[in-house]
């Protein structure tokens, strides 16, 4: 498995960690199919040819998705930390 495949696998696994939380209540119908697709990609990751730019975009999309899931108080704290750097 290449480094790019490992990085993609990490992104997919990170998102799948939220499956239980996002598949509860009203969100179930919105994310159920997407989680199935991600699981399918995870099973076939060895067959996927990747380039660095694609993986970077997927990592950025994963980061954006995760930032949307964080509570607003956590976002504010993260923003303050970035400003202090």
PDB file of N, CA and C in Angstrom:
ATOM      1  N   UNK A   1       0.855  -1.172   0.000  1.00  0.00           N
ATOM      2  CA  UNK A   1       0.000   0.000   0.000  1.00  0.00           C
ATOM      3  C   UNK A   1       0.905   1.240   0.000  1.00  0.00           C
ATOM      4  N   UNK A   2       0.572   2.167  -0.887  1.00  0.00           N
ATOM      5  CA  UNK A   2       1.386   3.376  -1.005  1.00  0.00           C
ATOM      6  C   UNK A   2       1.052   4.369   0.113  1.00  0.00           C
ATOM      7  N   UNK A   3       1.915   5.351   0.264  1.00  0.00           N
ATOM      8  CA  UNK A   3       1.695   6.409   1.254  1.00  0.00           C
ATOM      9  C   UNK A   3       0.402   7.163   0.957  1.00  0.00           C
ATOM     10  N   UNK A   4       0.126   7.403  -0.324  1.00  0.00           N
ATOM     11  CA  UNK A   4      -1.104   8.105  -0.701  1.00  0.00           C
ATOM     12  C   UNK A   4      -2.335   7.292  -0.318  1.00  0.00           C
ATOM     13  N   UNK A   5      -2.276   6.002  -0.531  1.00  0.00           N
ATOM     14  CA  UNK A   5      -3.398   5.130  -0.155  1.00  0.00           C
ATOM     15  C   UNK A   5      -3.589   5.115   1.359  1.00  0.00           C
ATOM     16  N   UNK A   6      -2.501   5.115   2.097  1.00  0.00           N
ATOM     17  CA  UNK A   6      -2.577   5.146   3.561  1.00  0.00           C
ATOM     18  C   UNK A   6      -3.216   6.449   4.029  1.00  0.00           C
ATOM     19  N   UNK A   7      -2.831   7.551   3.412  1.00  0.00           N
ATOM     20  CA  UNK A   7      -3.415   8.851   3.784  1.00  0.00           C
ATOM     21  C   UNK A   7      -4.908   8.893   3.473  1.00  0.00           C
ATOM     22  N   UNK A   8      -5.292   8.357   2.312  1.00  0.00           N
ATOM     23  CA  UNK A   8      -6.716   8.306   1.962  1.00  0.00           C
ATOM     24  C   UNK A   8      -7.469   7.400   2.930  1.00  0.00           C
ATOM     25  N   UNK A   9      -6.889   6.273   3.245  1.00  0.00           N
ATOM     26  CA  UNK A   9      -7.508   5.338   4.189  1.00  0.00           C
ATOM     27  C   UNK A   9      -7.729   6.022   5.540  1.00  0.00           C
ATOM     28  N   UNK A  10      -6.765   6.796   5.980  1.00  0.00           N
ATOM     29  CA  UNK A  10      -6.884   7.523   7.241  1.00  0.00           C
ATOM     30  C   UNK A  10      -8.063   8.500   7.198  1.00  0.00           C
ATOM     31  N   UNK A  11      -8.218   9.216   6.074  1.00  0.00           N
ATOM     32  CA  UNK A  11      -9.345  10.151   5.937  1.00  0.00           C
ATOM     33  C   UNK A  11     -10.677   9.415   6.039  1.00  0.00           C
ATOM     34  N   UNK A  12     -10.793   8.337   5.302  1.00  0.00           N
ATOM     35  CA  UNK A  12     -12.049   7.575   5.295  1.00  0.00           C
ATOM     36  C   UNK A  12     -12.347   7.009   6.680  1.00  0.00           C
ATOM     37  N   UNK A  13     -11.351   6.430   7.324  1.00  0.00           N
ATOM     38  CA  UNK A  13     -11.567   5.863   8.655  1.00  0.00           C
ATOM     39  C   UNK A  13     -11.952   6.947   9.661  1.00  0.00           C
ATOM     40  N   UNK A  14     -11.367   8.118   9.534  1.00  0.00           N
ATOM     41  CA  UNK A  14     -11.700   9.222  10.436  1.00  0.00           C
ATOM     42  C   UNK A  14     -13.162   9.609  10.293  1.00  0.00           C
ATOM     43  N   UNK A  15     -13.637   9.703   9.065  1.00  0.00           N
ATOM     44  CA  UNK A  15     -15.048  10.040   8.831  1.00  0.00           C
ATOM     45  C   UNK A  15     -15.956   8.930   9.327  1.00  0.00           C
ATOM     46  N   UNK A  16     -15.570   7.679   9.094  1.00  0.00           N
ATOM     47  CA  UNK A  16     -16.402   6.550   9.511  1.00  0.00           C
ATOM     48  C   UNK A  16     -16.540   6.442  11.028  1.00  0.00           C
ATOM     49  N   UNK A  17     -15.614   7.048  11.764  1.00  0.00           N
ATOM     50  CA  UNK A  17     -15.730   7.055  13.221  1.00  0.00           C
ATOM     51  C   UNK A  17     -16.983   7.796  13.687  1.00  0.00           C
ATOM     52  N   UNK A  18     -17.526   8.657  12.846  1.00  0.00           N
ATOM     53  CA  UNK A  18     -18.725   9.419  13.183  1.00  0.00           C
ATOM     54  C   UNK A  18     -20.009   8.743  12.719  1.00  0.00           C
ATOM     55  N   UNK A  19     -19.894   7.546  12.157  1.00  0.00           N
ATOM     56  CA  UNK A  19     -21.062   6.870  11.591  1.00  0.00           C
ATOM     57  C   UNK A  19     -22.187   6.689  12.605  1.00  0.00           C
ATOM     58  N   UNK A  20     -21.879   6.186  13.767  1.00  0.00           N
ATOM     59  CA  UNK A  20     -22.908   5.948  14.776  1.00  0.00           C
ATOM     60  C   UNK A  20     -23.611   7.240  15.162  1.00  0.00           C
ATOM     61  N   UNK A  21     -22.834   8.266  15.380  1.00  0.00           N
ATOM     62  CA  UNK A  21     -23.391   9.556  15.779  1.00  0.00           C
ATOM     63  C   UNK A  21     -24.261  10.174  14.683  1.00  0.00           C
ATOM     64  N   UNK A  22     -23.784  10.119  13.446  1.00  0.00           N
ATOM     65  CA  UNK A  22     -24.507  10.753  12.350  1.00  0.00           C
ATOM     66  C   UNK A  22     -25.646   9.903  11.806  1.00  0.00           C
ATOM     67  N   UNK A  23     -25.649   8.629  12.106  1.00  0.00           N
ATOM     68  CA  UNK A  23     -26.725   7.758  11.646  1.00  0.00           C
ATOM     69  C   UNK A  23     -27.863   7.662  12.653  1.00  0.00           C
ATOM     70  N   UNK A  24     -27.859   8.506  13.646  1.00  0.00           N
ATOM     71  CA  UNK A  24     -28.951   8.498  14.609  1.00  0.00           C
ATOM     72  C   UNK A  24     -29.938   9.610  14.281  1.00  0.00           C
ATOM     73  N   UNK A  25     -31.173   9.397  14.616  1.00  0.00           N
ATOM     74  CA  UNK A  25     -32.193  10.422  14.443  1.00  0.00           C
ATOM     75  C   UNK A  25     -32.409  10.832  13.004  1.00  0.00           C
ATOM     76  N   UNK A  26     -32.603  12.124  12.793  1.00  0.00           N
ATOM     77  CA  UNK A  26     -32.951  12.635  11.470  1.00  0.00           C
ATOM     78  C   UNK A  26     -31.807  12.533  10.468  1.00  0.00           C
ATOM     79  N   UNK A  27     -30.585  12.405  10.936  1.00  0.00           N
ATOM     80  CA  UNK A  27     -29.440  12.374  10.023  1.00  0.00           C
ATOM     81  C   UNK A  27     -29.294  11.048   9.289  1.00  0.00           C
ATOM     82  N   UNK A  28     -29.936  10.006   9.785  1.00  0.00           N
ATOM     83  CA  UNK A  28     -29.766   8.674   9.205  1.00  0.00           C
ATOM     84  C   UNK A  28     -29.990   8.676   7.702  1.00  0.00           C
ATOM     85  N   UNK A  29     -31.067   9.248   7.266  1.00  0.00           N
ATOM     86  CA  UNK A  29     -31.379   9.195   5.828  1.00  0.00           C
ATOM     87  C   UNK A  29     -30.418  10.030   4.989  1.00  0.00           C
ATOM     88  N   UNK A  30     -29.740  10.977   5.608  1.00  0.00           N
ATOM     89  CA  UNK A  30     -28.818  11.834   4.868  1.00  0.00           C
ATOM     90  C   UNK A  30     -27.439  11.211   4.696  1.00  0.00           C
ATOM     91  N   UNK A  31     -27.004  10.417   5.639  1.00  0.00           N
ATOM     92  CA  UNK A  31     -25.631   9.920   5.606  1.00  0.00           C
ATOM     93  C   UNK A  31     -25.501   8.418   5.393  1.00  0.00           C
ATOM     94  N   UNK A  32     -26.579   7.680   5.473  1.00  0.00           N
ATOM     95  CA  UNK A  32     -26.503   6.224   5.390  1.00  0.00           C
ATOM     96  C   UNK A  32     -25.853   5.759   4.085  1.00  0.00           C
ATOM     97  N   UNK A  33     -26.284   6.291   2.965  1.00  0.00           N
ATOM     98  CA  UNK A  33     -25.729   5.884   1.676  1.00  0.00           C
ATOM     99  C   UNK A  33     -24.261   6.293   1.549  1.00  0.00           C
ATOM    100  N   UNK A  34     -23.934   7.482   2.038  1.00  0.00           N
ATOM    101  CA  UNK A  34     -22.558   7.960   1.943  1.00  0.00           C
ATOM    102  C   UNK A  34     -21.606   7.084   2.755  1.00  0.00           C
ATOM    103  N   UNK A  35     -22.042   6.658   3.934  1.00  0.00           N
ATOM    104  CA  UNK A  35     -21.197   5.779   4.736  1.00  0.00           C
ATOM    105  C   UNK A  35     -20.998   4.434   4.038  1.00  0.00           C
ATOM    106  N   UNK A  36     -22.018   3.943   3.373  1.00  0.00           N
ATOM    107  CA  UNK A  36     -21.886   2.687   2.618  1.00  0.00           C
ATOM    108  C   UNK A  36     -20.866   2.836   1.497  1.00  0.00           C
ATOM    109  N   UNK A  37     -20.903   3.971   0.815  1.00  0.00           N
ATOM    110  CA  UNK A  37     -19.948   4.225  -0.267  1.00  0.00           C
ATOM    111  C   UNK A  37     -18.522   4.311   0.279  1.00  0.00           C
ATOM    112  N   UNK A  38     -18.354   5.016   1.393  1.00  0.00           N
ATOM    113  CA  UNK A  38     -17.024   5.123   2.002  1.00  0.00           C
ATOM    114  C   UNK A  38     -16.484   3.756   2.413  1.00  0.00           C
ATOM    115  N   UNK A  39     -17.346   2.913   2.967  1.00  0.00           N
ATOM    116  CA  UNK A  39     -16.916   1.562   3.360  1.00  0.00           C
ATOM    117  C   UNK A  39     -16.485   0.760   2.141  1.00  0.00           C
ATOM    118  N   UNK A  40     -17.203   0.926   1.031  1.00  0.00           N
ATOM    119  CA  UNK A  40     -16.839   0.231  -0.199  1.00  0.00           C
ATOM    120  C   UNK A  40     -15.472   0.694  -0.693  1.00  0.00           C
ATOM    121  N   UNK A  41     -15.243   2.012  -0.694  1.00  0.00           N
ATOM    122  CA  UNK A  41     -13.935   2.530  -1.094  1.00  0.00           C
ATOM    123  C   UNK A  41     -12.833   2.024  -0.173  1.00  0.00           C
ATOM    124  N   UNK A  42     -13.119   1.944   1.109  1.00  0.00           N
ATOM    125  CA  UNK A  42     -12.126   1.475   2.065  1.00  0.00           C
ATOM    126  C   UNK A  42     -11.717   0.030   1.762  1.00  0.00           C
ATOM    127  N   UNK A  43     -12.673  -0.780   1.339  1.00  0.00           N
ATOM    128  CA  UNK A  43     -12.377  -2.174   1.001  1.00  0.00           C
ATOM    129  C   UNK A  43     -11.542  -2.300  -0.269  1.00  0.00           C
ATOM    130  N   UNK A  44     -11.670  -1.318  -1.169  1.00  0.00           N
ATOM    131  CA  UNK A  44     -10.980  -1.388  -2.464  1.00  0.00           C
ATOM    132  C   UNK A  44      -9.824  -0.402  -2.578  1.00  0.00           C
ATOM    133  N   UNK A  45      -9.371   0.129  -1.474  1.00  0.00           N
ATOM    134  CA  UNK A  45      -8.364   1.200  -1.508  1.00  0.00           C
ATOM    135  C   UNK A  45      -7.062   0.771  -2.185  1.00  0.00           C
ATOM    136  N   UNK A  46      -6.736  -0.501  -2.118  1.00  0.00           N
ATOM    137  CA  UNK A  46      -5.511  -0.993  -2.757  1.00  0.00           C
ATOM    138  C   UNK A  46      -5.580  -0.898  -4.275  1.00  0.00           C
ATOM    139  N   UNK A  47      -6.785  -0.826  -4.818  1.00  0.00           N
ATOM    140  CA  UNK A  47      -6.960  -0.795  -6.272  1.00  0.00           C
ATOM    141  C   UNK A  47      -7.052   0.623  -6.832  1.00  0.00           C
ATOM    142  N   UNK A  48      -7.114   1.606  -5.964  1.00  0.00           N
ATOM    143  CA  UNK A  48      -7.302   2.988  -6.393  1.00  0.00           C
ATOM    144  C   UNK A  48      -5.949   3.640  -6.654  1.00  0.00           C
ATOM    145  N   UNK A  49      -5.802   4.190  -7.862  1.00  0.00           N
ATOM    146  CA  UNK A  49      -4.583   4.926  -8.185  1.00  0.00           C
ATOM    147  C   UNK A  49      -4.782   6.384  -7.800  1.00  0.00           C
ATOM    148  N   UNK A  50      -3.841   6.926  -7.069  1.00  0.00           N
ATOM    149  CA  UNK A  50      -3.974   8.276  -6.537  1.00  0.00           C
ATOM    150  C   UNK A  50      -2.791   9.143  -6.934  1.00  0.00           C
ATOM    151  N   UNK A  51      -3.041  10.441  -6.931  1.00  0.00           N
ATOM    152  CA  UNK A  51      -1.970  11.419  -7.101  1.00  0.00           C
ATOM    153  C   UNK A  51      -2.021  12.361  -5.899  1.00  0.00           C
ATOM    154  N   UNK A  52      -0.898  12.976  -5.623  1.00  0.00           N
ATOM    155  CA  UNK A  52      -0.749  13.831  -4.446  1.00  0.00           C
ATOM    156  C   UNK A  52      -1.837  14.903  -4.361  1.00  0.00           C
ATOM    157  N   UNK A  53      -2.125  15.583  -5.462  1.00  0.00           N
ATOM    158  CA  UNK A  53      -3.120  16.656  -5.437  1.00  0.00           C
ATOM    159  C   UNK A  53      -4.505  16.150  -5.033  1.00  0.00           C
ATOM    160  N   UNK A  54      -4.871  14.968  -5.514  1.00  0.00           N
ATOM    161  CA  UNK A  54      -6.172  14.390  -5.143  1.00  0.00           C
ATOM    162  C   UNK A  54      -6.241  14.114  -3.649  1.00  0.00           C
ATOM    163  N   UNK A  55      -5.182  13.541  -3.115  1.00  0.00           N
ATOM    164  CA  UNK A  55      -5.165  13.206  -1.691  1.00  0.00           C
ATOM    165  C   UNK A  55      -5.188  14.478  -0.849  1.00  0.00           C
ATOM    166  N   UNK A  56      -4.465  15.492  -1.271  1.00  0.00           N
ATOM    167  CA  UNK A  56      -4.495  16.771  -0.541  1.00  0.00           C
ATOM    168  C   UNK A  56      -5.897  17.355  -0.517  1.00  0.00           C
ATOM    169  N   UNK A  57      -6.600  17.304  -1.653  1.00  0.00           N
ATOM    170  CA  UNK A  57      -7.979  17.810  -1.697  1.00  0.00           C
ATOM    171  C   UNK A  57      -8.881  17.004  -0.776  1.00  0.00           C
ATOM    172  N   UNK A  58      -8.712  15.689  -0.755  1.00  0.00           N
ATOM    173  CA  UNK A  58      -9.523  14.839   0.116  1.00  0.00           C
ATOM    174  C   UNK A  58      -9.212  15.093   1.590  1.00  0.00           C
ATOM    175  N   UNK A  59      -7.949  15.335   1.904  1.00  0.00           N
ATOM    176  CA  UNK A  59      -7.582  15.667   3.280  1.00  0.00           C
ATOM    177  C   UNK A  59      -8.196  17.010   3.693  1.00  0.00           C
ATOM    178  N   UNK A  60      -8.174  17.973   2.786  1.00  0.00           N
ATOM    179  CA  UNK A  60      -8.768  19.282   3.080  1.00  0.00           C
ATOM    180  C   UNK A  60     -10.280  19.156   3.249  1.00  0.00           C
ATOM    181  N   UNK A  61     -10.916  18.349   2.408  1.00  0.00           N
ATOM    182  CA  UNK A  61     -12.365  18.135   2.519  1.00  0.00           C
ATOM    183  C   UNK A  61     -12.704  17.433   3.829  1.00  0.00           C
ATOM    184  N   UNK A  62     -11.885  16.482   4.229  1.00  0.00           N
ATOM    185  CA  UNK A  62     -12.093  15.788   5.501  1.00  0.00           C
ATOM    186  C   UNK A  62     -11.953  16.757   6.660  1.00  0.00           C
ATOM    187  N   UNK A  63     -10.937  17.601   6.611  1.00  0.00           N
ATOM    188  CA  UNK A  63     -10.735  18.598   7.653  1.00  0.00           C
ATOM    189  C   UNK A  63     -11.918  19.557   7.730  1.00  0.00           C
ATOM    190  N   UNK A  64     -12.407  19.984   6.581  1.00  0.00           N
ATOM    191  CA  UNK A  64     -13.568  20.883   6.537  1.00  0.00           C
ATOM    192  C   UNK A  64     -14.801  20.209   7.120  1.00  0.00           C
ATOM    193  N   UNK A  65     -15.022  18.955   6.753  1.00  0.00           N
ATOM    194  CA  UNK A  65     -16.158  18.192   7.269  1.00  0.00           C
ATOM    195  C   UNK A  65     -16.071  18.067   8.791  1.00  0.00           C
ATOM    196  N   UNK A  66     -14.904  17.739   9.286  1.00  0.00           N
ATOM    197  CA  UNK A  66     -14.720  17.585  10.732  1.00  0.00           C
ATOM    198  C   UNK A  66     -14.903  18.913  11.462  1.00  0.00           C
ATOM    199  N   UNK A  67     -14.468  20.005  10.851  1.00  0.00           N
ATOM    200  CA  UNK A  67     -14.637  21.304  11.499  1.00  0.00           C
ATOM    201  C   UNK A  67     -16.110  21.672  11.608  1.00  0.00           C
ATOM    202  N   UNK A  68     -16.927  21.215  10.679  1.00  0.00           N
ATOM    203  CA  UNK A  68     -18.368  21.464  10.742  1.00  0.00           C
ATOM    204  C   UNK A  68     -19.025  20.679  11.876  1.00  0.00           C
ATOM    205  N   UNK A  69     -18.426  19.577  12.263  1.00  0.00           N
ATOM    206  CA  UNK A  69     -18.998  18.737  13.320  1.00  0.00           C
ATOM    207  C   UNK A  69     -18.627  19.216  14.716  1.00  0.00           C
ATOM    208  N   UNK A  70     -17.574  20.016  14.812  1.00  0.00           N
ATOM    209  CA  UNK A  70     -17.129  20.492  16.125  1.00  0.00           C
ATOM    210  C   UNK A  70     -18.120  21.496  16.685  1.00  0.00           C
ATOM    211  N   UNK A  71     -18.353  21.450  17.995  1.00  0.00           N
ATOM    212  CA  UNK A  71     -19.221  22.456  18.617  1.00  0.00           C
ATOM    213  C   UNK A  71     -18.640  23.850  18.416  1.00  0.00           C
ATOM    214  N   UNK A  72     -19.499  24.853  18.379  1.00  0.00           N
ATOM    215  CA  UNK A  72     -19.042  26.219  18.111  1.00  0.00           C
ATOM    216  C   UNK A  72     -18.049  26.709  19.158  1.00  0.00           C
ATOM    217  N   UNK A  73     -18.181  26.292  20.412  1.00  0.00           N
ATOM    218  CA  UNK A  73     -17.228  26.723  21.440  1.00  0.00           C
ATOM    219  C   UNK A  73     -15.833  26.177  21.143  1.00  0.00           C
ATOM    220  N   UNK A  74     -15.776  24.971  20.605  1.00  0.00           N
ATOM    221  CA  UNK A  74     -14.485  24.391  20.241  1.00  0.00           C
ATOM    222  C   UNK A  74     -13.888  25.158  19.058  1.00  0.00           C
ATOM    223  N   UNK A  75     -14.748  25.553  18.113  1.00  0.00           N
ATOM    224  CA  UNK A  75     -14.273  26.322  16.965  1.00  0.00           C
ATOM    225  C   UNK A  75     -13.681  27.647  17.413  1.00  0.00           C
ATOM    226  N   UNK A  76     -14.343  28.298  18.367  1.00  0.00           N
ATOM    227  CA  UNK A  76     -13.849  29.585  18.845  1.00  0.00           C
ATOM    228  C   UNK A  76     -12.497  29.421  19.514  1.00  0.00           C
ATOM    229  N   UNK A  77     -12.337  28.370  20.307  1.00  0.00           N
ATOM    230  CA  UNK A  77     -11.053  28.108  20.955  1.00  0.00           C
ATOM    231  C   UNK A  77      -9.970  27.813  19.944  1.00  0.00           C
ATOM    232  N   UNK A  78     -10.317  27.062  18.901  1.00  0.00           N
ATOM    233  CA  UNK A  78      -9.355  26.753  17.852  1.00  0.00           C
ATOM    234  C   UNK A  78      -8.975  28.022  17.104  1.00  0.00           C
ATOM    235  N   UNK A  79      -9.956  28.879  16.867  1.00  0.00           N
ATOM    236  CA  UNK A  79      -9.669  30.134  16.167  1.00  0.00           C
ATOM    237  C   UNK A  79      -8.728  30.992  17.006  1.00  0.00           C
ATOM    238  N   UNK A  80      -8.955  31.054  18.315  1.00  0.00           N
ATOM    239  CA  UNK A  80      -8.082  31.832  19.186  1.00  0.00           C
ATOM    240  C   UNK A  80      -6.666  31.274  19.158  1.00  0.00           C
ATOM    241  N   UNK A  81      -6.523  29.968  19.164  1.00  0.00           N
ATOM    242  CA  UNK A  81      -5.193  29.368  19.117  1.00  0.00           C
ATOM    243  C   UNK A  81      -4.479  29.735  17.821  1.00  0.00           C
ATOM    244  N   UNK A  82      -5.207  29.726  16.712  1.00  0.00           N
ATOM    245  CA  UNK A  82      -4.591  30.077  15.444  1.00  0.00           C
ATOM    246  C   UNK A  82      -4.126  31.526  15.437  1.00  0.00           C
ATOM    247  N   UNK A  83      -4.907  32.388  16.042  1.00  0.00           N
ATOM    248  CA  UNK A  83      -4.536  33.797  16.082  1.00  0.00           C
ATOM    249  C   UNK A  83      -3.297  34.043  16.947  1.00  0.00           C
ATOM    250  N   UNK A  84      -3.126  33.230  17.974  1.00  0.00           N
ATOM    251  CA  UNK A  84      -1.983  33.400  18.861  1.00  0.00           C
ATOM    252  C   UNK A  84      -0.680  32.928  18.216  1.00  0.00           C
ATOM    253  N   UNK A  85      -0.774  32.039  17.287  1.00  0.00           N
ATOM    254  CA  UNK A  85       0.423  31.531  16.634  1.00  0.00           C
ATOM    255  C   UNK A  85       0.991  32.593  15.762  1.00  0.00           C
TER     256      UNK A  85
END
